Amino acid sequence: MTTRYGGPGVRLAGDGLVLREWERGDVVAMVELFDNPEVAYWTPLVTPFDLAAAEAYVDAAHSDNGRIHLAITTDGGEPMGEVMVNAKAAALGYAVGPAFRGQGLAHRSLILLTEYAHEVLGLDRLILEIEPANVASSAVARRAGYHLTDLPLITVTDKGRELTLTTWEHLA
């Protein structure tokens, strides 16, 4: 893994990927990636995810909110999805646009960000919270070396839908 800091940002490269901060010029691509019923169903992203939502998301991603949001790319250019870490909660998340699924982007991105969170942020235990019915996301977690815990299920409400989440963990 190569870690490079450009100004205040984080840029990670490895395994055929470049994870970089979202840029204002990415908002159109973000709408194409995230304004999708399946993405809306499985993630807490606002829906509809329009240009205004994308601009607000980029602004939030650049704020000091304890989170690092990185666009998934193969070369630092076109975004194909996102991987993020909430350093305060030691929680990670990911989403890949429908047109880019099946390429291993999510699990490779998750591995890169997991290494960064352990080695650079100093987080010994990382978690993912995943709905049991989200088979694809559970497969990504497993493939990236996360293990399902025996912690009690978490129940939350998002966009009017009650969710039950399992906890997956990765230890340094």
N, C-alpha and C. Protein backbone atom coordinates (compact mmCIF):
# COMPACT_ATOMS: atom_id res chain seq x y z
N MET A 1 0.85 -1.18 0.00
CA MET A 1 0.00 0.00 0.00
C MET A 1 0.89 1.23 0.00
N THR A 2 0.55 2.19 -0.82
CA THR A 2 1.25 3.46 -0.85
C THR A 2 0.30 4.51 -0.28
N THR A 3 0.76 5.25 0.69
CA THR A 3 -0.03 6.32 1.26
C THR A 3 0.66 7.63 0.92
N ARG A 4 -0.13 8.56 0.40
CA ARG A 4 0.43 9.85 0.04
C ARG A 4 -0.53 10.93 0.52
N TYR A 5 0.01 11.94 1.13
CA TYR A 5 -0.79 13.06 1.58
C TYR A 5 -0.60 14.21 0.63
N GLY A 6 -1.68 14.74 0.11
CA GLY A 6 -1.63 15.91 -0.74
C GLY A 6 -2.39 17.02 -0.06
N GLY A 7 -1.69 17.96 0.56
CA GLY A 7 -2.38 18.99 1.32
C GLY A 7 -3.07 18.32 2.49
N PRO A 8 -4.33 18.70 2.75
CA PRO A 8 -5.03 18.13 3.89
C PRO A 8 -5.62 16.76 3.58
N GLY A 9 -5.52 16.30 2.34
CA GLY A 9 -6.22 15.11 1.92
C GLY A 9 -5.45 13.82 2.07
N VAL A 10 -6.18 12.75 1.84
CA VAL A 10 -5.63 11.41 1.88
C VAL A 10 -5.76 10.83 0.48
N ARG A 11 -4.71 10.16 0.06
CA ARG A 11 -4.71 9.48 -1.24
C ARG A 11 -4.03 8.14 -1.02
N LEU A 12 -4.72 7.06 -1.31
CA LEU A 12 -4.18 5.71 -1.12
C LEU A 12 -4.14 5.02 -2.47
N ALA A 13 -3.07 4.30 -2.70
CA ALA A 13 -2.94 3.57 -3.96
C ALA A 13 -2.43 2.17 -3.68
N GLY A 14 -2.99 1.21 -4.41
CA GLY A 14 -2.56 -0.17 -4.30
C GLY A 14 -3.57 -1.08 -4.93
N ASP A 15 -3.12 -2.26 -5.32
CA ASP A 15 -3.98 -3.30 -5.88
C ASP A 15 -4.83 -2.80 -7.05
N GLY A 16 -4.21 -1.96 -7.89
CA GLY A 16 -4.90 -1.47 -9.08
C GLY A 16 -5.88 -0.35 -8.82
N LEU A 17 -5.84 0.24 -7.64
CA LEU A 17 -6.79 1.30 -7.28
C LEU A 17 -6.06 2.55 -6.81
N VAL A 18 -6.75 3.67 -6.97
CA VAL A 18 -6.36 4.93 -6.35
C VAL A 18 -7.60 5.44 -5.63
N LEU A 19 -7.49 5.57 -4.33
CA LEU A 19 -8.57 6.13 -3.52
C LEU A 19 -8.19 7.57 -3.23
N ARG A 20 -9.07 8.48 -3.59
CA ARG A 20 -8.76 9.91 -3.43
C ARG A 20 -9.97 10.64 -2.90
N GLU A 21 -9.70 11.83 -2.38
CA GLU A 21 -10.80 12.65 -1.88
C GLU A 21 -11.76 13.03 -3.01
N TRP A 22 -13.01 13.20 -2.64
CA TRP A 22 -13.99 13.72 -3.60
C TRP A 22 -13.63 15.15 -3.94
N GLU A 23 -13.88 15.52 -5.19
CA GLU A 23 -13.62 16.88 -5.66
C GLU A 23 -14.92 17.47 -6.18
N ARG A 24 -15.00 18.77 -6.22
CA ARG A 24 -16.20 19.46 -6.71
C ARG A 24 -16.54 19.00 -8.13
N GLY A 25 -15.53 18.71 -8.95
CA GLY A 25 -15.76 18.25 -10.32
C GLY A 25 -16.36 16.85 -10.41
N ASP A 26 -16.50 16.16 -9.28
CA ASP A 26 -17.05 14.80 -9.26
C ASP A 26 -18.57 14.76 -9.10
N VAL A 27 -19.23 15.91 -8.91
CA VAL A 27 -20.64 15.87 -8.52
C VAL A 27 -21.53 15.19 -9.57
N VAL A 28 -21.29 15.40 -10.84
CA VAL A 28 -22.12 14.74 -11.87
C VAL A 28 -21.92 13.23 -11.80
N ALA A 29 -20.68 12.79 -11.66
CA ALA A 29 -20.39 11.36 -11.54
C ALA A 29 -21.03 10.79 -10.27
N MET A 30 -21.03 11.55 -9.19
CA MET A 30 -21.63 11.09 -7.94
C MET A 30 -23.11 10.83 -8.12
N VAL A 31 -23.79 11.72 -8.83
CA VAL A 31 -25.23 11.51 -9.08
C VAL A 31 -25.42 10.21 -9.86
N GLU A 32 -24.60 9.98 -10.87
CA GLU A 32 -24.72 8.75 -11.66
C GLU A 32 -24.47 7.51 -10.81
N LEU A 33 -23.56 7.60 -9.85
CA LEU A 33 -23.24 6.47 -8.99
C LEU A 33 -24.30 6.22 -7.93
N PHE A 34 -24.77 7.29 -7.30
CA PHE A 34 -25.55 7.14 -6.07
C PHE A 34 -27.04 7.41 -6.20
N ASP A 35 -27.50 7.97 -7.30
CA ASP A 35 -28.94 8.19 -7.47
C ASP A 35 -29.53 6.94 -8.13
N ASN A 36 -29.63 5.91 -7.32
CA ASN A 36 -30.01 4.59 -7.79
C ASN A 36 -30.84 3.92 -6.69
N PRO A 37 -31.93 3.27 -7.04
CA PRO A 37 -32.78 2.66 -6.01
C PRO A 37 -32.06 1.66 -5.11
N GLU A 38 -31.17 0.87 -5.69
CA GLU A 38 -30.45 -0.13 -4.88
C GLU A 38 -29.48 0.54 -3.92
N VAL A 39 -28.76 1.56 -4.39
CA VAL A 39 -27.85 2.30 -3.51
C VAL A 39 -28.67 2.98 -2.41
N ALA A 40 -29.79 3.57 -2.78
CA ALA A 40 -30.64 4.24 -1.79
C ALA A 40 -31.15 3.25 -0.74
N TYR A 41 -31.46 2.04 -1.16
CA TYR A 41 -32.00 1.03 -0.25
C TYR A 41 -30.96 0.58 0.78
N TRP A 42 -29.75 0.33 0.34
CA TRP A 42 -28.74 -0.27 1.22
C TRP A 42 -27.86 0.73 1.95
N THR A 43 -27.89 2.00 1.59
CA THR A 43 -26.99 2.97 2.22
C THR A 43 -27.78 4.11 2.86
N PRO A 44 -27.14 4.86 3.75
CA PRO A 44 -27.80 6.03 4.34
C PRO A 44 -27.75 7.28 3.47
N LEU A 45 -27.25 7.17 2.24
CA LEU A 45 -27.19 8.35 1.37
C LEU A 45 -28.60 8.88 1.11
N VAL A 46 -28.71 10.20 0.99
CA VAL A 46 -30.01 10.81 0.75
C VAL A 46 -30.54 10.37 -0.61
N THR A 47 -31.85 10.40 -0.70
CA THR A 47 -32.48 10.06 -1.97
C THR A 47 -33.64 11.02 -2.20
N PRO A 48 -33.81 11.57 -3.37
CA PRO A 48 -32.94 11.37 -4.52
C PRO A 48 -31.58 12.00 -4.28
N PHE A 49 -30.56 11.42 -4.91
CA PHE A 49 -29.20 11.93 -4.81
C PHE A 49 -28.94 12.75 -6.07
N ASP A 50 -29.29 14.04 -5.98
CA ASP A 50 -29.18 14.94 -7.14
C ASP A 50 -27.93 15.81 -7.01
N LEU A 51 -27.79 16.79 -7.91
CA LEU A 51 -26.60 17.66 -7.87
C LEU A 51 -26.46 18.40 -6.55
N ALA A 52 -27.57 18.88 -6.02
CA ALA A 52 -27.51 19.59 -4.73
C ALA A 52 -27.04 18.65 -3.62
N ALA A 53 -27.52 17.41 -3.64
CA ALA A 53 -27.09 16.43 -2.64
C ALA A 53 -25.61 16.11 -2.81
N ALA A 54 -25.16 15.98 -4.06
CA ALA A 54 -23.75 15.70 -4.32
C ALA A 54 -22.86 16.84 -3.85
N GLU A 55 -23.27 18.08 -4.11
CA GLU A 55 -22.49 19.23 -3.66
C GLU A 55 -22.42 19.29 -2.14
N ALA A 56 -23.53 19.03 -1.48
CA ALA A 56 -23.56 19.02 -0.02
C ALA A 56 -22.68 17.89 0.52
N TYR A 57 -22.68 16.76 -0.16
CA TYR A 57 -21.87 15.62 0.26
C TYR A 57 -20.38 15.95 0.15
N VAL A 58 -19.98 16.57 -0.96
CA VAL A 58 -18.58 16.96 -1.12
C VAL A 58 -18.18 17.95 -0.02
N ASP A 59 -19.05 18.91 0.27
CA ASP A 59 -18.76 19.87 1.34
C ASP A 59 -18.59 19.15 2.67
N ALA A 60 -19.50 18.24 2.99
CA ALA A 60 -19.42 17.48 4.24
C ALA A 60 -18.16 16.62 4.29
N ALA A 61 -17.80 16.04 3.14
CA ALA A 61 -16.61 15.18 3.07
C ALA A 61 -15.34 15.97 3.34
N HIS A 62 -15.36 17.26 3.08
CA HIS A 62 -14.19 18.10 3.31
C HIS A 62 -14.25 18.83 4.65
N SER A 63 -15.28 18.57 5.44
CA SER A 63 -15.37 19.20 6.75
C SER A 63 -14.63 18.35 7.78
N ASP A 64 -14.44 18.92 8.93
CA ASP A 64 -13.75 18.19 10.01
C ASP A 64 -14.79 17.43 10.82
N ASN A 65 -15.34 16.36 10.21
CA ASN A 65 -16.39 15.59 10.86
C ASN A 65 -15.91 14.23 11.36
N GLY A 66 -14.59 14.03 11.37
CA GLY A 66 -14.03 12.77 11.85
C GLY A 66 -14.12 11.64 10.84
N ARG A 67 -14.54 11.97 9.62
CA ARG A 67 -14.69 10.95 8.59
C ARG A 67 -13.77 11.24 7.41
N ILE A 68 -13.35 10.18 6.76
CA ILE A 68 -12.58 10.30 5.53
C ILE A 68 -13.39 9.61 4.45
N HIS A 69 -13.81 10.39 3.45
CA HIS A 69 -14.58 9.88 2.31
C HIS A 69 -13.67 9.87 1.10
N LEU A 70 -13.51 8.70 0.48
CA LEU A 70 -12.62 8.59 -0.67
C LEU A 70 -13.34 8.01 -1.88
N ALA A 71 -13.14 8.65 -3.01
CA ALA A 71 -13.67 8.12 -4.27
C ALA A 71 -12.81 6.93 -4.67
N ILE A 72 -13.47 5.88 -5.12
CA ILE A 72 -12.78 4.70 -5.64
C ILE A 72 -12.53 4.93 -7.12
N THR A 73 -11.26 4.88 -7.52
CA THR A 73 -10.88 5.02 -8.93
C THR A 73 -9.81 3.99 -9.24
N THR A 74 -9.55 3.79 -10.52
CA THR A 74 -8.43 2.92 -10.89
C THR A 74 -7.18 3.73 -11.20
N ASP A 75 -7.35 5.03 -11.44
CA ASP A 75 -6.21 5.85 -11.87
C ASP A 75 -6.24 7.26 -11.30
N GLY A 76 -7.09 7.53 -10.33
CA GLY A 76 -7.22 8.88 -9.78
C GLY A 76 -8.23 9.72 -10.53
N GLY A 77 -8.83 9.17 -11.59
CA GLY A 77 -9.78 9.91 -12.41
C GLY A 77 -11.22 9.58 -12.07
N GLU A 78 -11.88 8.87 -12.98
CA GLU A 78 -13.32 8.62 -12.88
C GLU A 78 -13.70 7.87 -11.60
N PRO A 79 -14.59 8.45 -10.78
CA PRO A 79 -15.07 7.76 -9.59
C PRO A 79 -15.98 6.58 -9.97
N MET A 80 -15.80 5.48 -9.25
CA MET A 80 -16.60 4.28 -9.48
C MET A 80 -17.40 3.91 -8.24
N GLY A 81 -17.12 4.59 -7.15
CA GLY A 81 -17.79 4.32 -5.89
C GLY A 81 -17.10 5.08 -4.79
N GLU A 82 -17.38 4.67 -3.56
CA GLU A 82 -16.81 5.34 -2.39
C GLU A 82 -16.50 4.33 -1.32
N VAL A 83 -15.45 4.62 -0.56
CA VAL A 83 -15.14 3.93 0.67
C VAL A 83 -14.89 5.02 1.71
N MET A 84 -15.36 4.79 2.93
CA MET A 84 -15.19 5.82 3.96
C MET A 84 -14.91 5.19 5.31
N VAL A 85 -14.28 5.99 6.16
CA VAL A 85 -14.05 5.58 7.54
C VAL A 85 -14.47 6.71 8.46
N ASN A 86 -15.21 6.35 9.49
CA ASN A 86 -15.57 7.25 10.56
C ASN A 86 -14.58 6.94 11.68
N ALA A 87 -13.56 7.78 11.83
CA ALA A 87 -12.49 7.50 12.79
C ALA A 87 -13.01 7.50 14.22
N LYS A 88 -14.02 8.30 14.52
CA LYS A 88 -14.55 8.36 15.89
C LYS A 88 -15.22 7.06 16.28
N ALA A 89 -15.95 6.45 15.35
CA ALA A 89 -16.66 5.20 15.63
C ALA A 89 -15.88 3.97 15.17
N ALA A 90 -14.74 4.18 14.50
CA ALA A 90 -13.94 3.09 13.92
C ALA A 90 -14.80 2.24 12.98
N ALA A 91 -15.68 2.91 12.26
CA ALA A 91 -16.60 2.22 11.35
C ALA A 91 -16.29 2.59 9.92
N LEU A 92 -16.37 1.61 9.04
CA LEU A 92 -16.13 1.81 7.62
C LEU A 92 -17.40 1.55 6.84
N GLY A 93 -17.44 2.05 5.61
CA GLY A 93 -18.56 1.80 4.72
C GLY A 93 -18.09 1.91 3.28
N TYR A 94 -18.90 1.39 2.37
CA TYR A 94 -18.53 1.39 0.96
C TYR A 94 -19.77 1.29 0.10
N ALA A 95 -19.63 1.80 -1.10
CA ALA A 95 -20.69 1.69 -2.11
C ALA A 95 -20.01 1.78 -3.47
N VAL A 96 -20.44 0.93 -4.38
CA VAL A 96 -19.91 0.94 -5.74
C VAL A 96 -21.09 1.17 -6.67
N GLY A 97 -20.91 2.06 -7.64
CA GLY A 97 -21.96 2.34 -8.60
C GLY A 97 -22.33 1.09 -9.38
N PRO A 98 -23.61 0.96 -9.73
CA PRO A 98 -24.08 -0.25 -10.42
C PRO A 98 -23.29 -0.60 -11.68
N ALA A 99 -22.84 0.38 -12.43
CA ALA A 99 -22.11 0.11 -13.67
C ALA A 99 -20.72 -0.46 -13.42
N PHE A 100 -20.24 -0.42 -12.17
CA PHE A 100 -18.86 -0.82 -11.88
C PHE A 100 -18.78 -2.05 -10.97
N ARG A 101 -19.90 -2.68 -10.70
CA ARG A 101 -19.88 -3.85 -9.82
C ARG A 101 -19.29 -5.07 -10.54
N GLY A 102 -18.86 -6.03 -9.76
CA GLY A 102 -18.31 -7.25 -10.31
C GLY A 102 -16.84 -7.17 -10.67
N GLN A 103 -16.17 -6.08 -10.28
CA GLN A 103 -14.75 -5.90 -10.59
C GLN A 103 -13.86 -6.00 -9.35
N GLY A 104 -14.46 -6.31 -8.21
CA GLY A 104 -13.69 -6.40 -6.98
C GLY A 104 -13.31 -5.06 -6.39
N LEU A 105 -13.97 -4.00 -6.83
CA LEU A 105 -13.62 -2.65 -6.36
C LEU A 105 -13.89 -2.48 -4.87
N ALA A 106 -15.03 -2.96 -4.41
CA ALA A 106 -15.40 -2.76 -3.01
C ALA A 106 -14.43 -3.47 -2.07
N HIS A 107 -14.16 -4.73 -2.32
CA HIS A 107 -13.29 -5.45 -1.37
C HIS A 107 -11.85 -4.94 -1.44
N ARG A 108 -11.35 -4.59 -2.62
CA ARG A 108 -9.98 -4.05 -2.71
C ARG A 108 -9.89 -2.69 -2.02
N SER A 109 -10.91 -1.87 -2.19
CA SER A 109 -10.94 -0.56 -1.53
C SER A 109 -11.03 -0.71 -0.02
N LEU A 110 -11.86 -1.65 0.41
CA LEU A 110 -12.02 -1.88 1.83
C LEU A 110 -10.70 -2.36 2.45
N ILE A 111 -9.97 -3.21 1.75
CA ILE A 111 -8.67 -3.67 2.26
C ILE A 111 -7.71 -2.49 2.39
N LEU A 112 -7.63 -1.63 1.36
CA LEU A 112 -6.73 -0.47 1.42
C LEU A 112 -7.08 0.45 2.58
N LEU A 113 -8.36 0.75 2.73
CA LEU A 113 -8.75 1.68 3.79
C LEU A 113 -8.61 1.03 5.17
N THR A 114 -8.84 -0.27 5.26
CA THR A 114 -8.65 -0.98 6.53
C THR A 114 -7.19 -0.90 6.95
N GLU A 115 -6.27 -1.14 6.03
CA GLU A 115 -4.84 -1.04 6.35
C GLU A 115 -4.50 0.37 6.81
N TYR A 116 -5.02 1.36 6.11
CA TYR A 116 -4.77 2.76 6.47
C TYR A 116 -5.32 3.06 7.88
N ALA A 117 -6.53 2.60 8.15
CA ALA A 117 -7.16 2.88 9.45
C ALA A 117 -6.37 2.24 10.59
N HIS A 118 -5.87 1.03 10.37
CA HIS A 118 -5.06 0.37 11.39
C HIS A 118 -3.70 1.04 11.54
N GLU A 119 -3.00 1.21 10.41
CA GLU A 119 -1.60 1.64 10.45
C GLU A 119 -1.41 3.13 10.66
N VAL A 120 -2.25 3.95 10.04
CA VAL A 120 -2.05 5.40 10.11
C VAL A 120 -2.95 6.04 11.17
N LEU A 121 -4.21 5.65 11.20
CA LEU A 121 -5.13 6.23 12.19
C LEU A 121 -4.99 5.57 13.55
N GLY A 122 -4.34 4.39 13.60
CA GLY A 122 -4.11 3.72 14.87
C GLY A 122 -5.34 3.07 15.47
N LEU A 123 -6.29 2.70 14.63
CA LEU A 123 -7.52 2.07 15.12
C LEU A 123 -7.31 0.56 15.16
N ASP A 124 -7.36 -0.02 16.36
CA ASP A 124 -7.09 -1.46 16.53
C ASP A 124 -8.25 -2.33 16.08
N ARG A 125 -9.48 -1.85 16.27
CA ARG A 125 -10.68 -2.63 15.93
C ARG A 125 -11.55 -1.79 15.01
N LEU A 126 -11.85 -2.34 13.86
CA LEU A 126 -12.71 -1.67 12.89
C LEU A 126 -14.00 -2.46 12.73
N ILE A 127 -15.08 -1.73 12.46
CA ILE A 127 -16.36 -2.43 12.29
C ILE A 127 -17.07 -2.01 11.00
N LEU A 128 -17.90 -2.92 10.57
CA LEU A 128 -18.86 -2.69 9.50
C LEU A 128 -20.21 -3.08 10.07
N GLU A 129 -21.24 -2.34 9.72
CA GLU A 129 -22.61 -2.69 10.12
C GLU A 129 -23.39 -2.97 8.84
N ILE A 130 -23.87 -4.21 8.71
CA ILE A 130 -24.45 -4.67 7.46
C ILE A 130 -25.77 -5.39 7.73
N GLU A 131 -26.77 -5.10 6.91
CA GLU A 131 -28.02 -5.84 6.99
C GLU A 131 -27.77 -7.28 6.55
N PRO A 132 -28.29 -8.25 7.28
CA PRO A 132 -28.08 -9.65 6.90
C PRO A 132 -28.55 -9.96 5.47
N ALA A 133 -29.58 -9.28 5.00
CA ALA A 133 -30.09 -9.54 3.64
C ALA A 133 -29.19 -8.96 2.55
N ASN A 134 -28.24 -8.13 2.93
CA ASN A 134 -27.33 -7.55 1.95
C ASN A 134 -26.17 -8.53 1.72
N VAL A 135 -26.48 -9.56 0.96
CA VAL A 135 -25.54 -10.66 0.72
C VAL A 135 -24.27 -10.17 0.05
N ALA A 136 -24.39 -9.26 -0.90
CA ALA A 136 -23.21 -8.76 -1.61
C ALA A 136 -22.27 -8.03 -0.65
N SER A 137 -22.81 -7.20 0.21
CA SER A 137 -21.97 -6.46 1.15
C SER A 137 -21.32 -7.39 2.17
N SER A 138 -22.05 -8.39 2.60
CA SER A 138 -21.48 -9.38 3.52
C SER A 138 -20.33 -10.13 2.85
N ALA A 139 -20.48 -10.45 1.57
CA ALA A 139 -19.41 -11.14 0.83
C ALA A 139 -18.17 -10.26 0.72
N VAL A 140 -18.37 -8.96 0.50
CA VAL A 140 -17.24 -8.02 0.45
C VAL A 140 -16.53 -8.02 1.79
N ALA A 141 -17.27 -7.92 2.87
CA ALA A 141 -16.68 -7.90 4.21
C ALA A 141 -15.85 -9.16 4.45
N ARG A 142 -16.44 -10.29 4.17
CA ARG A 142 -15.76 -11.57 4.38
C ARG A 142 -14.48 -11.65 3.53
N ARG A 143 -14.58 -11.26 2.28
CA ARG A 143 -13.43 -11.33 1.37
C ARG A 143 -12.31 -10.38 1.80
N ALA A 144 -12.67 -9.29 2.46
CA ALA A 144 -11.68 -8.30 2.93
C ALA A 144 -11.12 -8.65 4.31
N GLY A 145 -11.52 -9.81 4.85
CA GLY A 145 -10.96 -10.26 6.11
C GLY A 145 -11.72 -9.85 7.35
N TYR A 146 -12.93 -9.36 7.20
CA TYR A 146 -13.79 -9.04 8.34
C TYR A 146 -14.52 -10.30 8.79
N HIS A 147 -14.85 -10.35 10.08
CA HIS A 147 -15.53 -11.51 10.64
C HIS A 147 -16.80 -11.06 11.34
N LEU A 148 -17.86 -11.82 11.14
CA LEU A 148 -19.14 -11.54 11.80
C LEU A 148 -18.97 -11.76 13.30
N THR A 149 -19.44 -10.79 14.09
CA THR A 149 -19.34 -10.91 15.55
C THR A 149 -20.61 -11.53 16.10
N ASP A 150 -20.58 -11.83 17.38
CA ASP A 150 -21.78 -12.32 18.05
C ASP A 150 -22.44 -11.21 18.87
N LEU A 151 -22.12 -9.95 18.54
CA LEU A 151 -22.74 -8.82 19.22
C LEU A 151 -24.23 -8.78 18.90
N PRO A 152 -25.04 -8.24 19.80
CA PRO A 152 -26.48 -8.14 19.51
C PRO A 152 -26.73 -7.33 18.24
N LEU A 153 -27.81 -7.67 17.55
CA LEU A 153 -28.19 -6.93 16.36
C LEU A 153 -28.50 -5.49 16.72
N ILE A 154 -28.24 -4.59 15.81
CA ILE A 154 -28.51 -3.17 15.99
C ILE A 154 -29.74 -2.83 15.17
N THR A 155 -30.68 -2.12 15.77
CA THR A 155 -31.88 -1.71 15.05
C THR A 155 -31.87 -0.19 14.93
N VAL A 156 -31.98 0.30 13.69
CA VAL A 156 -32.03 1.73 13.41
C VAL A 156 -33.13 1.98 12.39
N THR A 157 -33.54 3.23 12.28
CA THR A 157 -34.49 3.62 11.26
C THR A 157 -33.80 4.59 10.32
N ASP A 158 -33.90 4.31 9.02
CA ASP A 158 -33.28 5.15 8.01
C ASP A 158 -34.27 5.32 6.87
N LYS A 159 -34.55 6.54 6.52
CA LYS A 159 -35.48 6.85 5.43
C LYS A 159 -36.83 6.16 5.63
N GLY A 160 -37.26 6.11 6.90
CA GLY A 160 -38.56 5.52 7.22
C GLY A 160 -38.57 4.00 7.25
N ARG A 161 -37.44 3.38 7.07
CA ARG A 161 -37.35 1.92 7.04
C ARG A 161 -36.57 1.45 8.25
N GLU A 162 -37.12 0.48 8.98
CA GLU A 162 -36.40 -0.07 10.12
C GLU A 162 -35.39 -1.10 9.63
N LEU A 163 -34.14 -0.92 10.07
CA LEU A 163 -33.06 -1.81 9.65
C LEU A 163 -32.54 -2.59 10.83
N THR A 164 -32.18 -3.81 10.59
CA THR A 164 -31.49 -4.62 11.57
C THR A 164 -30.10 -4.88 11.01
N LEU A 165 -29.09 -4.54 11.78
CA LEU A 165 -27.71 -4.61 11.31
C LEU A 165 -26.88 -5.59 12.13
N THR A 166 -26.05 -6.35 11.45
CA THR A 166 -25.06 -7.19 12.11
C THR A 166 -23.75 -6.41 12.16
N THR A 167 -22.90 -6.79 13.08
CA THR A 167 -21.60 -6.13 13.23
C THR A 167 -20.50 -7.09 12.77
N TRP A 168 -19.68 -6.59 11.89
CA TRP A 168 -18.49 -7.31 11.41
C TRP A 168 -17.28 -6.58 11.95
N GLU A 169 -16.19 -7.29 12.23
CA GLU A 169 -15.01 -6.62 12.76
C GLU A 169 -13.73 -7.10 12.08
N HIS A 170 -12.74 -6.22 12.17
CA HIS A 170 -11.40 -6.52 11.69
C HIS A 170 -10.45 -6.02 12.76
N LEU A 171 -9.59 -6.89 13.25
CA LEU A 171 -8.66 -6.52 14.29
C LEU A 171 -7.26 -6.33 13.72
N ALA A 172 -6.54 -5.35 14.27
CA ALA A 172 -5.18 -5.06 13.80
C ALA A 172 -4.25 -6.21 14.15
